[in-house]
Amino acid sequence: MKFDIETILSVTHGKLLTSISNIYAILNYLLDDNLFTHQLPRASQFCKEFILAEHPELKKWDNYSQYVSTETWKEYLGKAKRMFGSKLEISKVPANTWGYKNPIEELQKMVKHVDKHEP
């Protein structure tokens, strides 16, 4: 399936260049899952390696990602589209590689972990 470059780079480089609904769409597609908000960082980190393996040219974005800010994102998004095109075909992650976790149980563990670190 093809996805916008801003969605792909948001996953691979961790700076939000698109709507959160597009992040849900790509990650749910890649993982055959129905993710909750608190699962997006883990899912993004997991999918990043698969996307970069399929499209190693996206690693060139490392040179520019550090300069993307709330003031410059449109300029750099234009640069990304010139470098990579506006859309790329992205394959699903191989079946049974994603570490599915019950979203409610995962959130409970996250909250317990935070509670342990508070004074």
PDB file of N, CA and C in Angstrom:
ATOM      1  N   MET A   1       0.842  -1.168   0.000  1.00  0.00           N
ATOM      2  CA  MET A   1       0.000   0.000   0.000  1.00  0.00           C
ATOM      3  C   MET A   1       0.896   1.242   0.000  1.00  0.00           C
ATOM      4  N   LYS A   2       0.441   2.281  -0.665  1.00  0.00           N
ATOM      5  CA  LYS A   2       1.214   3.522  -0.725  1.00  0.00           C
ATOM      6  C   LYS A   2       0.794   4.458   0.401  1.00  0.00           C
ATOM      7  N   PHE A   3       1.806   5.117   0.973  1.00  0.00           N
ATOM      8  CA  PHE A   3       1.577   6.102   2.028  1.00  0.00           C
ATOM      9  C   PHE A   3       2.324   7.380   1.679  1.00  0.00           C
ATOM     10  N   ASP A   4       1.798   8.498   2.163  1.00  0.00           N
ATOM     11  CA  ASP A   4       2.446   9.797   1.971  1.00  0.00           C
ATOM     12  C   ASP A   4       3.805   9.802   2.651  1.00  0.00           C
ATOM     13  N   ILE A   5       4.745  10.508   2.041  1.00  0.00           N
ATOM     14  CA  ILE A   5       6.100  10.570   2.591  1.00  0.00           C
ATOM     15  C   ILE A   5       6.102  11.201   3.979  1.00  0.00           C
ATOM     16  N   GLU A   6       5.218  12.154   4.237  1.00  0.00           N
ATOM     17  CA  GLU A   6       5.183  12.778   5.563  1.00  0.00           C
ATOM     18  C   GLU A   6       4.776  11.782   6.642  1.00  0.00           C
ATOM     19  N   THR A   7       3.914  10.843   6.295  1.00  0.00           N
ATOM     20  CA  THR A   7       3.513   9.807   7.248  1.00  0.00           C
ATOM     21  C   THR A   7       4.671   8.850   7.483  1.00  0.00           C
ATOM     22  N   ILE A   8       5.316   8.445   6.423  1.00  0.00           N
ATOM     23  CA  ILE A   8       6.437   7.506   6.524  1.00  0.00           C
ATOM     24  C   ILE A   8       7.577   8.107   7.340  1.00  0.00           C
ATOM     25  N   LEU A   9       7.945   9.357   7.036  1.00  0.00           N
ATOM     26  CA  LEU A   9       9.046   9.991   7.766  1.00  0.00           C
ATOM     27  C   LEU A   9       8.686  10.265   9.224  1.00  0.00           C
ATOM     28  N   SER A  10       7.408  10.473   9.510  1.00  0.00           N
ATOM     29  CA  SER A  10       6.979  10.635  10.908  1.00  0.00           C
ATOM     30  C   SER A  10       7.271   9.369  11.699  1.00  0.00           C
ATOM     31  N   VAL A  11       7.056   8.217  11.081  1.00  0.00           N
ATOM     32  CA  VAL A  11       7.327   6.939  11.747  1.00  0.00           C
ATOM     33  C   VAL A  11       8.828   6.678  11.830  1.00  0.00           C
ATOM     34  N   THR A  12       9.536   6.886  10.739  1.00  0.00           N
ATOM     35  CA  THR A  12      10.952   6.515  10.720  1.00  0.00           C
ATOM     36  C   THR A  12      11.865   7.497  11.436  1.00  0.00           C
ATOM     37  N   HIS A  13      11.428   8.745  11.567  1.00  0.00           N
ATOM     38  CA  HIS A  13      12.315   9.745  12.150  1.00  0.00           C
ATOM     39  C   HIS A  13      11.747  10.459  13.368  1.00  0.00           C
ATOM     40  N   GLY A  14      10.536  10.105  13.776  1.00  0.00           N
ATOM     41  CA  GLY A  14      10.017  10.542  15.064  1.00  0.00           C
ATOM     42  C   GLY A  14       9.582  11.985  15.196  1.00  0.00           C
ATOM     43  N   LYS A  15       9.439  12.689  14.099  1.00  0.00           N
ATOM     44  CA  LYS A  15       8.907  14.061  14.159  1.00  0.00           C
ATOM     45  C   LYS A  15       7.597  14.071  13.390  1.00  0.00           C
ATOM     46  N   LEU A  16       6.547  14.509  14.059  1.00  0.00           N
ATOM     47  CA  LEU A  16       5.218  14.448  13.477  1.00  0.00           C
ATOM     48  C   LEU A  16       5.074  15.457  12.342  1.00  0.00           C
ATOM     49  N   LEU A  17       4.936  14.945  11.122  1.00  0.00           N
ATOM     50  CA  LEU A  17       4.783  15.766   9.924  1.00  0.00           C
ATOM     51  C   LEU A  17       3.405  15.594   9.295  1.00  0.00           C
ATOM     52  N   THR A  18       2.516  14.884   9.966  1.00  0.00           N
ATOM     53  CA  THR A  18       1.212  14.548   9.414  1.00  0.00           C
ATOM     54  C   THR A  18       0.202  14.461  10.555  1.00  0.00           C
ATOM     55  N   SER A  19      -1.034  14.151  10.227  1.00  0.00           N
ATOM     56  CA  SER A  19      -2.057  14.014  11.265  1.00  0.00           C
ATOM     57  C   SER A  19      -1.872  12.689  12.005  1.00  0.00           C
ATOM     58  N   ILE A  20      -2.308  12.673  13.223  1.00  0.00           N
ATOM     59  CA  ILE A  20      -2.191  11.448  14.029  1.00  0.00           C
ATOM     60  C   ILE A  20      -3.023  10.319  13.413  1.00  0.00           C
ATOM     61  N   SER A  21      -4.095  10.667  12.719  1.00  0.00           N
ATOM     62  CA  SER A  21      -4.910   9.623  12.078  1.00  0.00           C
ATOM     63  C   SER A  21      -4.104   8.891  11.004  1.00  0.00           C
ATOM     64  N   ASN A  22      -3.188   9.592  10.336  1.00  0.00           N
ATOM     65  CA  ASN A  22      -2.325   8.934   9.342  1.00  0.00           C
ATOM     66  C   ASN A  22      -1.319   8.005  10.009  1.00  0.00           C
ATOM     67  N   ILE A  23      -0.877   8.352  11.204  1.00  0.00           N
ATOM     68  CA  ILE A  23       0.043   7.484  11.955  1.00  0.00           C
ATOM     69  C   ILE A  23      -0.684   6.203  12.346  1.00  0.00           C
ATOM     70  N   TYR A  24      -1.912   6.343  12.850  1.00  0.00           N
ATOM     71  CA  TYR A  24      -2.709   5.151  13.158  1.00  0.00           C
ATOM     72  C   TYR A  24      -2.880   4.286  11.911  1.00  0.00           C
ATOM     73  N   ALA A  25      -3.188   4.920  10.778  1.00  0.00           N
ATOM     74  CA  ALA A  25      -3.454   4.168   9.542  1.00  0.00           C
ATOM     75  C   ALA A  25      -2.253   3.349   9.105  1.00  0.00           C
ATOM     76  N   ILE A  26      -1.073   3.950   9.074  1.00  0.00           N
ATOM     77  CA  ILE A  26       0.100   3.211   8.606  1.00  0.00           C
ATOM     78  C   ILE A  26       0.493   2.114   9.589  1.00  0.00           C
ATOM     79  N   LEU A  27       0.493   2.421  10.874  1.00  0.00           N
ATOM     80  CA  LEU A  27       0.916   1.409  11.858  1.00  0.00           C
ATOM     81  C   LEU A  27      -0.081   0.270  11.961  1.00  0.00           C
ATOM     82  N   ASN A  28      -1.377   0.576  11.951  1.00  0.00           N
ATOM     83  CA  ASN A  28      -2.381  -0.493  11.992  1.00  0.00           C
ATOM     84  C   ASN A  28      -2.283  -1.374  10.751  1.00  0.00           C
ATOM     85  N   TYR A  29      -2.030  -0.768   9.594  1.00  0.00           N
ATOM     86  CA  TYR A  29      -1.852  -1.536   8.369  1.00  0.00           C
ATOM     87  C   TYR A  29      -0.613  -2.429   8.462  1.00  0.00           C
ATOM     88  N   LEU A  30       0.518  -1.837   8.830  1.00  0.00           N
ATOM     89  CA  LEU A  30       1.772  -2.587   8.871  1.00  0.00           C
ATOM     90  C   LEU A  30       1.717  -3.764   9.830  1.00  0.00           C
ATOM     91  N   LEU A  31       1.012  -3.583  10.941  1.00  0.00           N
ATOM     92  CA  LEU A  31       1.015  -4.589  12.014  1.00  0.00           C
ATOM     93  C   LEU A  31      -0.245  -5.435  12.072  1.00  0.00           C
ATOM     94  N   ASP A  32      -1.218  -5.167  11.212  1.00  0.00           N
ATOM     95  CA  ASP A  32      -2.525  -5.843  11.306  1.00  0.00           C
ATOM     96  C   ASP A  32      -3.049  -5.775  12.729  1.00  0.00           C
ATOM     97  N   ASP A  33      -3.087  -4.574  13.267  1.00  0.00           N
ATOM     98  CA  ASP A  33      -3.489  -4.367  14.655  1.00  0.00           C
ATOM     99  C   ASP A  33      -4.470  -3.202  14.700  1.00  0.00           C
ATOM    100  N   ASN A  34      -4.984  -2.922  15.877  1.00  0.00           N
ATOM    101  CA  ASN A  34      -5.846  -1.772  16.126  1.00  0.00           C
ATOM    102  C   ASN A  34      -5.285  -1.090  17.366  1.00  0.00           C
ATOM    103  N   LEU A  35      -4.267  -0.289  17.159  1.00  0.00           N
ATOM    104  CA  LEU A  35      -3.465   0.255  18.244  1.00  0.00           C
ATOM    105  C   LEU A  35      -4.191   1.339  19.038  1.00  0.00           C
ATOM    106  N   PHE A  36      -3.828   1.420  20.305  1.00  0.00           N
ATOM    107  CA  PHE A  36      -4.261   2.504  21.174  1.00  0.00           C
ATOM    108  C   PHE A  36      -3.146   3.547  21.190  1.00  0.00           C
ATOM    109  N   THR A  37      -3.471   4.745  21.606  1.00  0.00           N
ATOM    110  CA  THR A  37      -2.517   5.864  21.567  1.00  0.00           C
ATOM    111  C   THR A  37      -1.213   5.542  22.273  1.00  0.00           C
ATOM    112  N   HIS A  38      -1.286   4.946  23.446  1.00  0.00           N
ATOM    113  CA  HIS A  38      -0.062   4.672  24.209  1.00  0.00           C
ATOM    114  C   HIS A  38       0.828   3.627  23.546  1.00  0.00           C
ATOM    115  N   GLN A  39       0.314   2.918  22.552  1.00  0.00           N
ATOM    116  CA  GLN A  39       1.093   1.898  21.851  1.00  0.00           C
ATOM    117  C   GLN A  39       1.836   2.453  20.627  1.00  0.00           C
ATOM    118  N   LEU A  40       1.501   3.663  20.217  1.00  0.00           N
ATOM    119  CA  LEU A  40       2.099   4.219  19.007  1.00  0.00           C
ATOM    120  C   LEU A  40       3.620   4.348  19.073  1.00  0.00           C
ATOM    121  N   PRO A  41       4.205   4.829  20.164  1.00  0.00           N
ATOM    122  CA  PRO A  41       5.675   4.916  20.186  1.00  0.00           C
ATOM    123  C   PRO A  41       6.367   3.563  20.016  1.00  0.00           C
ATOM    124  N   ARG A  42       5.875   2.547  20.701  1.00  0.00           N
ATOM    125  CA  ARG A  42       6.476   1.212  20.583  1.00  0.00           C
ATOM    126  C   ARG A  42       6.290   0.668  19.172  1.00  0.00           C
ATOM    127  N   ALA A  43       5.114   0.862  18.617  1.00  0.00           N
ATOM    128  CA  ALA A  43       4.827   0.375  17.265  1.00  0.00           C
ATOM    129  C   ALA A  43       5.679   1.112  16.228  1.00  0.00           C
ATOM    130  N   SER A  44       5.825   2.424  16.401  1.00  0.00           N
ATOM    131  CA  SER A  44       6.652   3.204  15.468  1.00  0.00           C
ATOM    132  C   SER A  44       8.094   2.731  15.492  1.00  0.00           C
ATOM    133  N   GLN A  45       8.619   2.542  16.676  1.00  0.00           N
ATOM    134  CA  GLN A  45      10.007   2.088  16.801  1.00  0.00           C
ATOM    135  C   GLN A  45      10.182   0.714  16.149  1.00  0.00           C
ATOM    136  N   PHE A  46       9.214  -0.153  16.344  1.00  0.00           N
ATOM    137  CA  PHE A  46       9.266  -1.490  15.762  1.00  0.00           C
ATOM    138  C   PHE A  46       9.215  -1.422  14.228  1.00  0.00           C
ATOM    139  N   CYS A  47       8.296  -0.624  13.692  1.00  0.00           N
ATOM    140  CA  CYS A  47       8.100  -0.554  12.244  1.00  0.00           C
ATOM    141  C   CYS A  47       9.217   0.197  11.534  1.00  0.00           C
ATOM    142  N   LYS A  48       9.862   1.086  12.241  1.00  0.00           N
ATOM    143  CA  LYS A  48      10.924   1.904  11.651  1.00  0.00           C
ATOM    144  C   LYS A  48      11.962   1.044  10.939  1.00  0.00           C
ATOM    145  N   GLU A  49      12.436   0.004  11.589  1.00  0.00           N
ATOM    146  CA  GLU A  49      13.485  -0.843  11.004  1.00  0.00           C
ATOM    147  C   GLU A  49      13.023  -1.555   9.741  1.00  0.00           C
ATOM    148  N   PHE A  50      11.759  -1.984   9.722  1.00  0.00           N
ATOM    149  CA  PHE A  50      11.226  -2.667   8.533  1.00  0.00           C
ATOM    150  C   PHE A  50      11.101  -1.688   7.360  1.00  0.00           C
ATOM    151  N   ILE A  51      10.631  -0.485   7.658  1.00  0.00           N
ATOM    152  CA  ILE A  51      10.483   0.520   6.601  1.00  0.00           C
ATOM    153  C   ILE A  51      11.849   0.906   6.035  1.00  0.00           C
ATOM    154  N   LEU A  52      12.822   1.136   6.920  1.00  0.00           N
ATOM    155  CA  LEU A  52      14.159   1.523   6.460  1.00  0.00           C
ATOM    156  C   LEU A  52      14.853   0.386   5.706  1.00  0.00           C
ATOM    157  N   ALA A  53      14.558  -0.842   6.061  1.00  0.00           N
ATOM    158  CA  ALA A  53      15.118  -1.974   5.318  1.00  0.00           C
ATOM    159  C   ALA A  53      14.535  -2.034   3.908  1.00  0.00           C
ATOM    160  N   GLU A  54      13.265  -1.721   3.792  1.00  0.00           N
ATOM    161  CA  GLU A  54      12.606  -1.735   2.488  1.00  0.00           C
ATOM    162  C   GLU A  54      13.007  -0.512   1.643  1.00  0.00           C
ATOM    163  N   HIS A  55      13.220   0.610   2.318  1.00  0.00           N
ATOM    164  CA  HIS A  55      13.571   1.859   1.630  1.00  0.00           C
ATOM    165  C   HIS A  55      14.801   2.485   2.282  1.00  0.00           C
ATOM    166  N   PRO A  56      15.977   1.916   2.064  1.00  0.00           N
ATOM    167  CA  PRO A  56      17.186   2.434   2.719  1.00  0.00           C
ATOM    168  C   PRO A  56      17.506   3.884   2.348  1.00  0.00           C
ATOM    169  N   GLU A  57      16.981   4.347   1.226  1.00  0.00           N
ATOM    170  CA  GLU A  57      17.215   5.736   0.833  1.00  0.00           C
ATOM    171  C   GLU A  57      16.664   6.730   1.864  1.00  0.00           C
ATOM    172  N   LEU A  58      15.686   6.288   2.664  1.00  0.00           N
ATOM    173  CA  LEU A  58      15.109   7.168   3.687  1.00  0.00           C
ATOM    174  C   LEU A  58      16.109   7.511   4.791  1.00  0.00           C
ATOM    175  N   LYS A  59      17.173   6.736   4.893  1.00  0.00           N
ATOM    176  CA  LYS A  59      18.209   7.042   5.893  1.00  0.00           C
ATOM    177  C   LYS A  59      18.876   8.381   5.600  1.00  0.00           C
ATOM    178  N   LYS A  60      18.809   8.832   4.342  1.00  0.00           N
ATOM    179  CA  LYS A  60      19.355  10.141   3.988  1.00  0.00           C
ATOM    180  C   LYS A  60      18.652  11.258   4.757  1.00  0.00           C
ATOM    181  N   TRP A  61      17.429  10.987   5.201  1.00  0.00           N
ATOM    182  CA  TRP A  61      16.661  11.997   5.934  1.00  0.00           C
ATOM    183  C   TRP A  61      17.297  12.311   7.292  1.00  0.00           C
ATOM    184  N   ASP A  62      18.174  11.436   7.780  1.00  0.00           N
ATOM    185  CA  ASP A  62      18.905  11.697   9.029  1.00  0.00           C
ATOM    186  C   ASP A  62      19.636  13.040   8.968  1.00  0.00           C
ATOM    187  N   ASN A  63      20.102  13.421   7.791  1.00  0.00           N
ATOM    188  CA  ASN A  63      20.834  14.679   7.620  1.00  0.00           C
ATOM    189  C   ASN A  63      19.949  15.911   7.779  1.00  0.00           C
ATOM    190  N   TYR A  64      18.632  15.739   7.632  1.00  0.00           N
ATOM    191  CA  TYR A  64      17.715  16.877   7.648  1.00  0.00           C
ATOM    192  C   TYR A  64      16.757  16.871   8.837  1.00  0.00           C
ATOM    193  N   SER A  65      16.453  15.721   9.348  1.00  0.00           N
ATOM    194  CA  SER A  65      15.452  15.584  10.404  1.00  0.00           C
ATOM    195  C   SER A  65      15.727  16.497  11.592  1.00  0.00           C
ATOM    196  N   GLN A  66      16.979  16.652  11.935  1.00  0.00           N
ATOM    197  CA  GLN A  66      17.340  17.474  13.095  1.00  0.00           C
ATOM    198  C   GLN A  66      16.955  18.939  12.916  1.00  0.00           C
ATOM    199  N   TYR A  67      16.760  19.381  11.686  1.00  0.00           N
ATOM    200  CA  TYR A  67      16.431  20.783  11.417  1.00  0.00           C
ATOM    201  C   TYR A  67      14.923  21.035  11.307  1.00  0.00           C
ATOM    202  N   VAL A  68      14.132  19.979  11.341  1.00  0.00           N
ATOM    203  CA  VAL A  68      12.684  20.132  11.232  1.00  0.00           C
ATOM    204  C   VAL A  68      12.153  20.671  12.558  1.00  0.00           C
ATOM    205  N   SER A  69      11.399  21.751  12.469  1.00  0.00           N
ATOM    206  CA  SER A  69      10.799  22.361  13.661  1.00  0.00           C
ATOM    207  C   SER A  69       9.407  22.861  13.304  1.00  0.00           C
ATOM    208  N   THR A  70       8.722  23.443  14.275  1.00  0.00           N
ATOM    209  CA  THR A  70       7.393  23.989  13.997  1.00  0.00           C
ATOM    210  C   THR A  70       7.467  25.135  12.990  1.00  0.00           C
ATOM    211  N   GLU A  71       8.614  25.771  12.889  1.00  0.00           N
ATOM    212  CA  GLU A  71       8.786  26.867  11.938  1.00  0.00           C
ATOM    213  C   GLU A  71       9.220  26.387  10.551  1.00  0.00           C
ATOM    214  N   THR A  72       9.925  25.274  10.467  1.00  0.00           N
ATOM    215  CA  THR A  72      10.538  24.867   9.195  1.00  0.00           C
ATOM    216  C   THR A  72       9.933  23.615   8.566  1.00  0.00           C
ATOM    217  N   TRP A  73       8.950  23.011   9.185  1.00  0.00           N
ATOM    218  CA  TRP A  73       8.481  21.702   8.725  1.00  0.00           C
ATOM    219  C   TRP A  73       7.965  21.730   7.281  1.00  0.00           C
ATOM    220  N   LYS A  74       7.292  22.806   6.875  1.00  0.00           N
ATOM    221  CA  LYS A  74       6.771  22.856   5.503  1.00  0.00           C
ATOM    222  C   LYS A  74       7.908  22.882   4.487  1.00  0.00           C
ATOM    223  N   GLU A  75       8.936  23.649   4.788  1.00  0.00           N
ATOM    224  CA  GLU A  75      10.105  23.722   3.903  1.00  0.00           C
ATOM    225  C   GLU A  75      10.751  22.344   3.758  1.00  0.00           C
ATOM    226  N   TYR A  76      10.923  21.647   4.892  1.00  0.00           N
ATOM    227  CA  TYR A  76      11.577  20.342   4.851  1.00  0.00           C
ATOM    228  C   TYR A  76      10.672  19.263   4.280  1.00  0.00           C
ATOM    229  N   LEU A  77       9.380  19.420   4.434  1.00  0.00           N
ATOM    230  CA  LEU A  77       8.468  18.467   3.799  1.00  0.00           C
ATOM    231  C   LEU A  77       8.571  18.583   2.283  1.00  0.00           C
ATOM    232  N   GLY A  78       8.679  19.793   1.782  1.00  0.00           N
ATOM    233  CA  GLY A  78       8.896  19.981   0.338  1.00  0.00           C
ATOM    234  C   GLY A  78      10.185  19.330  -0.120  1.00  0.00           C
ATOM    235  N   LYS A  79      11.234  19.474   0.677  1.00  0.00           N
ATOM    236  CA  LYS A  79      12.528  18.852   0.366  1.00  0.00           C
ATOM    237  C   LYS A  79      12.382  17.324   0.347  1.00  0.00           C
ATOM    238  N   ALA A  80      11.658  16.782   1.305  1.00  0.00           N
ATOM    239  CA  ALA A  80      11.446  15.329   1.374  1.00  0.00           C
ATOM    240  C   ALA A  80      10.718  14.827   0.133  1.00  0.00           C
ATOM    241  N   LYS A  81       9.709  15.561  -0.299  1.00  0.00           N
ATOM    242  CA  LYS A  81       8.958  15.152  -1.493  1.00  0.00           C
ATOM    243  C   LYS A  81       9.843  15.189  -2.740  1.00  0.00           C
ATOM    244  N   ARG A  82      10.741  16.151  -2.802  1.00  0.00           N
ATOM    245  CA  ARG A  82      11.671  16.206  -3.940  1.00  0.00           C
ATOM    246  C   ARG A  82      12.673  15.053  -3.875  1.00  0.00           C
ATOM    247  N   MET A  83      13.081  14.690  -2.680  1.00  0.00           N
ATOM    248  CA  MET A  83      14.070  13.612  -2.521  1.00  0.00           C
ATOM    249  C   MET A  83      13.483  12.223  -2.762  1.00  0.00           C
ATOM    250  N   PHE A  84      12.272  11.993  -2.234  1.00  0.00           N
ATOM    251  CA  PHE A  84      11.725  10.627  -2.203  1.00  0.00           C
ATOM    252  C   PHE A  84      10.425  10.449  -2.989  1.00  0.00           C
ATOM    253  N   GLY A  85       9.825  11.524  -3.444  1.00  0.00           N
ATOM    254  CA  GLY A  85       8.505  11.457  -4.055  1.00  0.00           C
ATOM    255  C   GLY A  85       7.448  11.691  -2.993  1.00  0.00           C
ATOM    256  N   SER A  86       6.217  11.880  -3.413  1.00  0.00           N
ATOM    257  CA  SER A  86       5.168  12.201  -2.441  1.00  0.00           C
ATOM    258  C   SER A  86       4.592  10.961  -1.757  1.00  0.00           C
ATOM    259  N   LYS A  87       4.745   9.788  -2.370  1.00  0.00           N
ATOM    260  CA  LYS A  87       4.236   8.536  -1.790  1.00  0.00           C
ATOM    261  C   LYS A  87       5.223   7.408  -2.055  1.00  0.00           C
ATOM    262  N   LEU A  88       5.225   6.448  -1.135  1.00  0.00           N
ATOM    263  CA  LEU A  88       6.026   5.241  -1.314  1.00  0.00           C
ATOM    264  C   LEU A  88       5.178   4.016  -0.979  1.00  0.00           C
ATOM    265  N   GLU A  89       5.454   2.950  -1.685  1.00  0.00           N
ATOM    266  CA  GLU A  89       4.826   1.664  -1.388  1.00  0.00           C
ATOM    267  C   GLU A  89       5.509   1.082  -0.151  1.00  0.00           C
ATOM    268  N   ILE A  90       4.707   0.683   0.831  1.00  0.00           N
ATOM    269  CA  ILE A  90       5.234   0.110   2.067  1.00  0.00           C
ATOM    270  C   ILE A  90       4.597  -1.263   2.271  1.00  0.00           C
ATOM    271  N   SER A  91       5.433  -2.265   2.485  1.00  0.00           N
ATOM    272  CA  SER A  91       4.952  -3.631   2.716  1.00  0.00           C
ATOM    273  C   SER A  91       4.645  -3.851   4.186  1.00  0.00           C
ATOM    274  N   LYS A  92       3.718  -4.754   4.437  1.00  0.00           N
ATOM    275  CA  LYS A  92       3.385  -5.098   5.820  1.00  0.00           C
ATOM    276  C   LYS A  92       4.572  -5.775   6.492  1.00  0.00           C
ATOM    277  N   VAL A  93       4.613  -5.634   7.793  1.00  0.00           N
ATOM    278  CA  VAL A  93       5.615  -6.334   8.602  1.00  0.00           C
ATOM    279  C   VAL A  93       5.279  -7.828   8.530  1.00  0.00           C
ATOM    280  N   PRO A  94       6.275  -8.702   8.450  1.00  0.00           N
ATOM    281  CA  PRO A  94       5.983 -10.139   8.391  1.00  0.00           C
ATOM    282  C   PRO A  94       5.112 -10.586   9.569  1.00  0.00           C
ATOM    283  N   ALA A  95       4.181 -11.473   9.273  1.00  0.00           N
ATOM    284  CA  ALA A  95       3.258 -11.984  10.290  1.00  0.00           C
ATOM    285  C   ALA A  95       4.023 -12.586  11.465  1.00  0.00           C
ATOM    286  N   ASN A  96       3.468 -12.456  12.628  1.00  0.00           N
ATOM    287  CA  ASN A  96       3.990 -13.039  13.877  1.00  0.00           C
ATOM    288  C   ASN A  96       5.329 -12.452  14.322  1.00  0.00           C
ATOM    289  N   THR A  97       5.677 -11.257  13.843  1.00  0.00           N
ATOM    290  CA  THR A  97       6.902 -10.628  14.331  1.00  0.00           C
ATOM    291  C   THR A  97       6.602  -9.518  15.344  1.00  0.00           C
ATOM    292  N   TRP A  98       5.436  -8.920  15.250  1.00  0.00           N
ATOM    293  CA  TRP A  98       5.017  -7.851  16.158  1.00  0.00           C
ATOM    294  C   TRP A  98       4.633  -8.461  17.509  1.00  0.00           C
ATOM    295  N   GLY A  99       5.147  -7.900  18.554  1.00  0.00           N
ATOM    296  CA  GLY A  99       4.847  -8.368  19.902  1.00  0.00           C
ATOM    297  C   GLY A  99       3.529  -7.813  20.397  1.00  0.00           C
ATOM    298  N   TYR A 100       2.423  -8.420  19.952  1.00  0.00           N
ATOM    299  CA  TYR A 100       1.105  -7.950  20.369  1.00  0.00           C
ATOM    300  C   TYR A 100       1.001  -7.973  21.885  1.00  0.00           C
ATOM    301  N   LYS A 101       0.438  -6.909  22.414  1.00  0.00           N
ATOM    302  CA  LYS A 101       0.141  -6.839  23.843  1.00  0.00           C
ATOM    303  C   LYS A 101      -1.280  -6.320  23.995  1.00  0.00           C
ATOM    304  N   ASN A 102      -2.003  -6.900  24.931  1.00  0.00           N
ATOM    305  CA  ASN A 102      -3.333  -6.397  25.229  1.00  0.00           C
ATOM    306  C   ASN A 102      -3.181  -4.923  25.619  1.00  0.00           C
ATOM    307  N   PRO A 103      -3.878  -4.014  24.938  1.00  0.00           N
ATOM    308  CA  PRO A 103      -3.648  -2.587  25.182  1.00  0.00           C
ATOM    309  C   PRO A 103      -3.962  -2.135  26.607  1.00  0.00           C
ATOM    310  N   ILE A 104      -4.977  -2.715  27.221  1.00  0.00           N
ATOM    311  CA  ILE A 104      -5.334  -2.324  28.593  1.00  0.00           C
ATOM    312  C   ILE A 104      -4.270  -2.820  29.565  1.00  0.00           C
ATOM    313  N   GLU A 105      -3.848  -4.051  29.415  1.00  0.00           N
ATOM    314  CA  GLU A 105      -2.798  -4.593  30.285  1.00  0.00           C
ATOM    315  C   GLU A 105      -1.487  -3.839  30.095  1.00  0.00           C
ATOM    316  N   GLU A 106      -1.173  -3.482  28.860  1.00  0.00           N
ATOM    317  CA  GLU A 106       0.051  -2.734  28.597  1.00  0.00           C
ATOM    318  C   GLU A 106      -0.002  -1.360  29.285  1.00  0.00           C
ATOM    319  N   LEU A 107      -1.136  -0.705  29.202  1.00  0.00           N
ATOM    320  CA  LEU A 107      -1.288   0.599  29.850  1.00  0.00           C
ATOM    321  C   LEU A 107      -1.177   0.473  31.367  1.00  0.00           C
ATOM    322  N   GLN A 108      -1.781  -0.558  31.931  1.00  0.00           N
ATOM    323  CA  GLN A 108      -1.686  -0.766  33.379  1.00  0.00           C
ATOM    324  C   GLN A 108      -0.236  -0.934  33.812  1.00  0.00           C
ATOM    325  N   LYS A 109       0.549  -1.690  33.046  1.00  0.00           N
ATOM    326  CA  LYS A 109       1.960  -1.868  33.364  1.00  0.00           C
ATOM    327  C   LYS A 109       2.729  -0.556  33.232  1.00  0.00           C
ATOM    328  N   MET A 110       2.375   0.235  32.237  1.00  0.00           N
ATOM    329  CA  MET A 110       3.032   1.528  32.053  1.00  0.00           C
ATOM    330  C   MET A 110       2.748   2.449  33.243  1.00  0.00           C
ATOM    331  N   VAL A 111       1.512   2.446  33.707  1.00  0.00           N
ATOM    332  CA  VAL A 111       1.130   3.297  34.844  1.00  0.00           C
ATOM    333  C   VAL A 111       1.827   2.832  36.110  1.00  0.00           C
ATOM    334  N   LYS A 112       1.890   1.528  36.329  1.00  0.00           N
ATOM    335  CA  LYS A 112       2.587   0.998  37.506  1.00  0.00           C
ATOM    336  C   LYS A 112       4.057   1.369  37.473  1.00  0.00           C
ATOM    337  N   HIS A 113       4.653   1.312  36.284  1.00  0.00           N
ATOM    338  CA  HIS A 113       6.071   1.668  36.137  1.00  0.00           C
ATOM    339  C   HIS A 113       6.284   3.139  36.494  1.00  0.00           C
ATOM    340  N   VAL A 114       5.403   4.013  36.067  1.00  0.00           N
ATOM    341  CA  VAL A 114       5.515   5.433  36.372  1.00  0.00           C
ATOM    342  C   VAL A 114       5.321   5.669  37.865  1.00  0.00           C
ATOM    343  N   ASP A 115       4.322   5.000  38.450  1.00  0.00           N
ATOM    344  CA  ASP A 115       4.044   5.168  39.890  1.00  0.00           C
ATOM    345  C   ASP A 115       5.250   4.782  40.734  1.00  0.00           C
ATOM    346  N   LYS A 116       6.016   3.799  40.329  1.00  0.00           N
ATOM    347  CA  LYS A 116       7.179   3.356  41.091  1.00  0.00           C
ATOM    348  C   LYS A 116       8.279   4.399  41.115  1.00  0.00           C
ATOM    349  N   HIS A 117       8.280   5.297  40.131  1.00  0.00           N
ATOM    350  CA  HIS A 117       9.354   6.280  40.027  1.00  0.00           C
ATOM    351  C   HIS A 117       8.994   7.650  40.613  1.00  0.00           C
ATOM    352  N   GLU A 118       7.782   7.766  41.127  1.00  0.00           N
ATOM    353  CA  GLU A 118       7.396   9.041  41.731  1.00  0.00           C
ATOM    354  C   GLU A 118       7.796   9.065  43.191  1.00  0.00           C
ATOM    355  N   PRO A 119       8.154  10.253  43.701  1.00  0.00           N
ATOM    356  CA  PRO A 119       8.572  10.338  45.114  1.00  0.00           C
ATOM    357  C   PRO A 119       7.404  10.152  46.075  1.00  0.00           C
TER     358      PRO A 119
END
